C-alpha cells in the first residue's frame, strides 16, 4: 500500500489507520455501555426510580445513535466495524454489569464509564487532528462537550 493511498473521503489511509483503530475500540466501549444502561433502566428500584428510569433511557437512546455514527465513520475511513458482541468484549474497556438495582451503584457506574469514555474521546481527538480528519475532530468535540456536562451533572447528583 502506498503512503499516498487515500480512502473514500480523501484522507491518507496510513494516517487514518490509528483513527479507525481507536474508533473500533470506542465502538466496543459504546456497545457495552449501551447494554449496561439498558440493564440499569430495567432494574432500577427505589425512590429515584422515576427520574433515573427516564435518564437511563435518554442516555441509551443517545448512545445508540452514537454507535451508528461511529460504525459509519469507520466505514467512511476505509475500515470494517465489528458487529459481534464477542468481538466487543475482547477489546472493550467498559465491563459488563448486571443485577444492579440500587440507584447509587448505577449512577456511580455510569459516571465512571462516562469518565472513561471522555478520556477515550480526548485520545481520539488527538489522533484525528494528526490525521487531518476534521470530521472526526468535529464529532469528537461534540462528544467531549456532552460527556463533560453529564459528568458534572451526575457528580452533583451524587453529592449529599
C-alpha atoms as a PDB file:
ATOM      1  CA  UNK A   1       0.000   0.000   0.000  1.00  0.00           C
ATOM      2  CA  UNK A   2       1.374   3.381  -0.982  1.00  0.00           C
ATOM      3  CA  UNK A   3       1.730   6.004   1.713  1.00  0.00           C
ATOM      4  CA  UNK A   4      -0.294   8.292  -0.553  1.00  0.00           C
ATOM      5  CA  UNK A   5      -3.263   5.915  -0.869  1.00  0.00           C
ATOM      6  CA  UNK A   6      -6.498   7.635   0.090  1.00  0.00           C
ATOM      7  CA  UNK A   7      -9.825   6.453   1.439  1.00  0.00           C
ATOM      8  CA  UNK A   8     -13.252   7.409   0.083  1.00  0.00           C
ATOM      9  CA  UNK A   9     -13.264  10.748   1.901  1.00  0.00           C
ATOM     10  CA  UNK A  10      -9.835  11.757   0.556  1.00  0.00           C
ATOM     11  CA  UNK A  11      -7.717  11.194   3.659  1.00  0.00           C
ATOM     12  CA  UNK A  12      -4.498   9.195   3.610  1.00  0.00           C
ATOM     13  CA  UNK A  13      -5.115   5.602   4.645  1.00  0.00           C
ATOM     14  CA  UNK A  14      -1.898   5.380   6.636  1.00  0.00           C
ATOM     15  CA  UNK A  15      -2.846   8.489   8.608  1.00  0.00           C
ATOM     16  CA  UNK A  16      -6.358   7.298   9.389  1.00  0.00           C
ATOM     17  CA  UNK A  17      -5.435   3.736  10.430  1.00  0.00           C
ATOM     18  CA  UNK A  18      -4.892   4.829  14.076  1.00  0.00           C
ATOM     19  CA  UNK A  19      -8.209   6.729  13.963  1.00  0.00           C
ATOM     20  CA  UNK A  20     -10.001   3.618  12.700  1.00  0.00           C
ATOM     21  CA  UNK A  21      -8.397   1.525  15.444  1.00  0.00           C
ATOM     22  CA  UNK A  22      -9.476   3.984  18.149  1.00  0.00           C
ATOM     23  CA  UNK A  23     -12.976   4.253  16.677  1.00  0.00           C
ATOM     24  CA  UNK A  24     -13.205   0.452  16.671  1.00  0.00           C
ATOM     25  CA  UNK A  25     -12.315   0.319  20.363  1.00  0.00           C
ATOM     26  CA  UNK A  26     -14.758   3.128  21.064  1.00  0.00           C
ATOM     27  CA  UNK A  27     -17.475   1.216  19.209  1.00  0.00           C
ATOM     28  CA  UNK A  28     -16.927  -1.740  21.526  1.00  0.00           C
ATOM     29  CA  UNK A  29     -16.990   0.528  24.600  1.00  0.00           C
ATOM     30  CA  UNK A  30     -20.215   2.209  23.475  1.00  0.00           C
ATOM     31  CA  UNK A  31     -21.894  -1.129  22.728  1.00  0.00           C
ATOM     32  CA  UNK A  32     -21.169  -2.492  26.202  1.00  0.00           C
ATOM     33  CA  UNK A  33     -22.157   0.823  27.811  1.00  0.00           C
ATOM     34  CA  UNK A  34     -25.442   0.775  25.886  1.00  0.00           C
ATOM     35  CA  UNK A  35     -26.237  -2.695  27.193  1.00  0.00           C
ATOM     36  CA  UNK A  36     -25.350  -1.696  30.757  1.00  0.00           C
ATOM     37  CA  UNK A  37     -27.617   1.346  30.506  1.00  0.00           C
ATOM     38  CA  UNK A  38     -30.496  -0.857  29.351  1.00  0.00           C
ATOM     39  CA  UNK A  39     -29.999  -3.047  32.408  1.00  0.00           C
ATOM     40  CA  UNK A  40     -29.912  -0.057  34.747  1.00  0.00           C
ATOM     41  CA  UNK A  41     -33.078   1.270  33.098  1.00  0.00           C
ATOM     42  CA  UNK A  42     -34.910  -2.032  33.514  1.00  0.00           C
ATOM     43  CA  UNK A  43     -33.764  -2.837  37.033  1.00  0.00           C
ATOM     44  CA  UNK A  44     -33.610   0.476  38.905  1.00  0.00           C
ATOM     45  CA  UNK A  45     -35.626   0.434  42.116  1.00  0.00           C
ATOM     46  CA  UNK A  46     -36.363   2.755  44.984  1.00  0.00           C
ATOM     47  CA  UNK A  47     -37.117   6.417  45.496  1.00  0.00           C
ATOM     48  CA  UNK A  48     -35.036   7.531  42.478  1.00  0.00           C
ATOM     49  CA  UNK A  49     -36.822   5.160  40.104  1.00  0.00           C
ATOM     50  CA  UNK A  50     -38.797   7.660  38.012  1.00  0.00           C
ATOM     51  CA  UNK A  51     -36.027  10.156  37.393  1.00  0.00           C
ATOM     52  CA  UNK A  52     -33.292   7.573  36.745  1.00  0.00           C
ATOM     53  CA  UNK A  53     -35.508   5.292  34.646  1.00  0.00           C
ATOM     54  CA  UNK A  54     -36.099   8.248  32.309  1.00  0.00           C
ATOM     55  CA  UNK A  55     -32.465   9.410  32.435  1.00  0.00           C
ATOM     56  CA  UNK A  56     -31.087   5.983  31.545  1.00  0.00           C
ATOM     57  CA  UNK A  57     -33.485   5.791  28.594  1.00  0.00           C
ATOM     58  CA  UNK A  58     -32.309   9.208  27.397  1.00  0.00           C
ATOM     59  CA  UNK A  59     -28.687   8.081  27.719  1.00  0.00           C
ATOM     60  CA  UNK A  60     -29.104   4.758  25.929  1.00  0.00           C
ATOM     61  CA  UNK A  61     -31.053   6.392  23.087  1.00  0.00           C
ATOM     62  CA  UNK A  62     -28.195   8.869  22.651  1.00  0.00           C
ATOM     63  CA  UNK A  63     -25.550   6.137  22.826  1.00  0.00           C
ATOM     64  CA  UNK A  64     -27.451   4.049  20.241  1.00  0.00           C
ATOM     65  CA  UNK A  65     -27.282   6.980  17.832  1.00  0.00           C
ATOM     66  CA  UNK A  66     -23.560   7.420  18.512  1.00  0.00           C
ATOM     67  CA  UNK A  67     -22.925   3.712  17.911  1.00  0.00           C
ATOM     68  CA  UNK A  68     -24.297   4.081  14.400  1.00  0.00           C
ATOM     69  CA  UNK A  69     -22.235   7.227  13.802  1.00  0.00           C
ATOM     70  CA  UNK A  70     -19.039   5.517  14.964  1.00  0.00           C
ATOM     71  CA  UNK A  71     -19.615   2.455  12.769  1.00  0.00           C
ATOM     72  CA  UNK A  72     -20.405   4.611   9.742  1.00  0.00           C
ATOM     73  CA  UNK A  73     -17.289   6.728  10.322  1.00  0.00           C
ATOM     74  CA  UNK A  74     -15.177   3.573  10.449  1.00  0.00           C
ATOM     75  CA  UNK A  75     -16.597   2.581   7.052  1.00  0.00           C
ATOM     76  CA  UNK A  76     -16.069   6.068   5.602  1.00  0.00           C
ATOM     77  CA  UNK A  77     -12.425   5.956   6.639  1.00  0.00           C
ATOM     78  CA  UNK A  78     -11.943   2.570   4.955  1.00  0.00           C
ATOM     79  CA  UNK A  79     -12.403   0.202   7.893  1.00  0.00           C
ATOM     80  CA  UNK A  80     -14.883  -2.511   8.726  1.00  0.00           C
ATOM     81  CA  UNK A  81     -16.730  -2.161  12.039  1.00  0.00           C
ATOM     82  CA  UNK A  82     -17.093  -5.211  14.257  1.00  0.00           C
ATOM     83  CA  UNK A  83     -20.675  -6.298  14.777  1.00  0.00           C
ATOM     84  CA  UNK A  84     -20.380  -9.205  17.209  1.00  0.00           C
ATOM     85  CA  UNK A  85     -20.580  -8.818  20.956  1.00  0.00           C
ATOM     86  CA  UNK A  86     -17.884 -11.453  21.371  1.00  0.00           C
ATOM     87  CA  UNK A  87     -15.542  -9.132  19.452  1.00  0.00           C
ATOM     88  CA  UNK A  88     -16.590  -6.109  21.502  1.00  0.00           C
ATOM     89  CA  UNK A  89     -15.954  -7.880  24.794  1.00  0.00           C
ATOM     90  CA  UNK A  90     -12.396  -8.737  23.743  1.00  0.00           C
ATOM     91  CA  UNK A  91     -11.411  -5.060  23.417  1.00  0.00           C
ATOM     92  CA  UNK A  92     -13.888  -3.039  25.464  1.00  0.00           C
ATOM     93  CA  UNK A  93     -12.579  -1.193  28.480  1.00  0.00           C
ATOM     94  CA  UNK A  94     -16.177  -0.947  29.680  1.00  0.00           C
ATOM     95  CA  UNK A  95     -17.088  -4.100  31.554  1.00  0.00           C
ATOM     96  CA  UNK A  96     -20.490  -5.755  31.501  1.00  0.00           C
ATOM     97  CA  UNK A  97     -22.622  -5.066  34.555  1.00  0.00           C
ATOM     98  CA  UNK A  98     -25.779  -6.884  35.586  1.00  0.00           C
ATOM     99  CA  UNK A  99     -28.082  -7.148  38.551  1.00  0.00           C
ATOM    100  CA  UNK A 100     -27.774  -3.518  39.606  1.00  0.00           C
ATOM    101  CA  UNK A 101     -30.922  -2.403  41.412  1.00  0.00           C
ATOM    102  CA  UNK A 102     -29.506   0.271  43.723  1.00  0.00           C
ATOM    103  CA  UNK A 103     -29.696   3.770  42.273  1.00  0.00           C
ATOM    104  CA  UNK A 104     -26.340   4.911  43.687  1.00  0.00           C
ATOM    105  CA  UNK A 105     -24.449   1.898  42.302  1.00  0.00           C
ATOM    106  CA  UNK A 106     -25.962   2.504  38.864  1.00  0.00           C
ATOM    107  CA  UNK A 107     -25.180   6.217  38.839  1.00  0.00           C
ATOM    108  CA  UNK A 108     -21.598   5.614  40.002  1.00  0.00           C
ATOM    109  CA  UNK A 109     -21.117   3.053  37.231  1.00  0.00           C
ATOM    110  CA  UNK A 110     -22.500   5.442  34.615  1.00  0.00           C
ATOM    111  CA  UNK A 111     -20.314   8.259  35.938  1.00  0.00           C
ATOM    112  CA  UNK A 112     -17.167   6.109  35.869  1.00  0.00           C
ATOM    113  CA  UNK A 113     -17.996   4.888  32.366  1.00  0.00           C
ATOM    114  CA  UNK A 114     -18.536   8.431  31.114  1.00  0.00           C
ATOM    115  CA  UNK A 115     -15.160   9.429  32.568  1.00  0.00           C
ATOM    116  CA  UNK A 116     -13.501   6.515  30.779  1.00  0.00           C
ATOM    117  CA  UNK A 117     -15.238   7.379  27.501  1.00  0.00           C
ATOM    118  CA  UNK A 118     -14.313  11.041  27.878  1.00  0.00           C
ATOM    119  CA  UNK A 119     -10.649  10.062  28.089  1.00  0.00           C
ATOM    120  CA  UNK A 120     -11.078   7.859  25.015  1.00  0.00           C
ATOM    121  CA  UNK A 121     -12.695  10.727  23.100  1.00  0.00           C
ATOM    122  CA  UNK A 122      -9.817  13.026  24.044  1.00  0.00           C
ATOM    123  CA  UNK A 123      -7.329  10.445  22.741  1.00  0.00           C
ATOM    124  CA  UNK A 124      -9.380  10.057  19.540  1.00  0.00           C
ATOM    125  CA  UNK A 125      -9.379  13.833  19.127  1.00  0.00           C
ATOM    126  CA  UNK A 126      -5.567  13.880  19.130  1.00  0.00           C
ATOM    127  CA  UNK A 127      -5.358  11.055  16.583  1.00  0.00           C
ATOM    128  CA  UNK A 128      -7.923  12.735  14.338  1.00  0.00           C
ATOM    129  CA  UNK A 129      -6.016  16.031  14.464  1.00  0.00           C
ATOM    130  CA  UNK A 130      -2.816  14.216  13.447  1.00  0.00           C
ATOM    131  CA  UNK A 131      -4.674  12.535  10.561  1.00  0.00           C
ATOM    132  CA  UNK A 132      -6.173  15.874   9.437  1.00  0.00           C
ATOM    133  CA  UNK A 133      -9.580  14.232   9.882  1.00  0.00           C
ATOM    134  CA  UNK A 134     -11.667  17.308  10.614  1.00  0.00           C
ATOM    135  CA  UNK A 135     -14.995  15.440  10.571  1.00  0.00           C
ATOM    136  CA  UNK A 136     -13.871  13.076  13.336  1.00  0.00           C
ATOM    137  CA  UNK A 137     -12.410  16.048  15.226  1.00  0.00           C
ATOM    138  CA  UNK A 138     -15.777  17.795  14.986  1.00  0.00           C
ATOM    139  CA  UNK A 139     -17.728  14.685  16.056  1.00  0.00           C
ATOM    140  CA  UNK A 140     -15.326  14.085  18.941  1.00  0.00           C
ATOM    141  CA  UNK A 141     -15.643  17.681  20.170  1.00  0.00           C
ATOM    142  CA  UNK A 142     -19.411  17.290  20.459  1.00  0.00           C
ATOM    143  CA  UNK A 143     -18.968  14.066  22.416  1.00  0.00           C
ATOM    144  CA  UNK A 144     -16.478  15.684  24.771  1.00  0.00           C
ATOM    145  CA  UNK A 145     -18.846  18.574  25.449  1.00  0.00           C
ATOM    146  CA  UNK A 146     -21.768  16.208  26.060  1.00  0.00           C
ATOM    147  CA  UNK A 147     -19.842  13.879  28.372  1.00  0.00           C
ATOM    148  CA  UNK A 148     -18.288  16.716  30.372  1.00  0.00           C
ATOM    149  CA  UNK A 149     -21.776  18.068  31.083  1.00  0.00           C
ATOM    150  CA  UNK A 150     -23.122  14.632  32.025  1.00  0.00           C
ATOM    151  CA  UNK A 151     -20.143  14.031  34.328  1.00  0.00           C
ATOM    152  CA  UNK A 152     -20.677  17.390  36.005  1.00  0.00           C
ATOM    153  CA  UNK A 153     -24.403  16.752  36.472  1.00  0.00           C
ATOM    154  CA  UNK A 154     -24.042  13.176  37.767  1.00  0.00           C
ATOM    155  CA  UNK A 155     -21.267  14.274  40.141  1.00  0.00           C
ATOM    156  CA  UNK A 156     -23.582  16.944  41.528  1.00  0.00           C
ATOM    157  CA  UNK A 157     -26.411  14.388  41.760  1.00  0.00           C
ATOM    158  CA  UNK A 158     -24.281  12.135  43.960  1.00  0.00           C
ATOM    159  CA  UNK A 159     -23.460  14.891  46.468  1.00  0.00           C
ATOM    160  CA  UNK A 160     -25.222  14.504  49.782  1.00  0.00           C
END
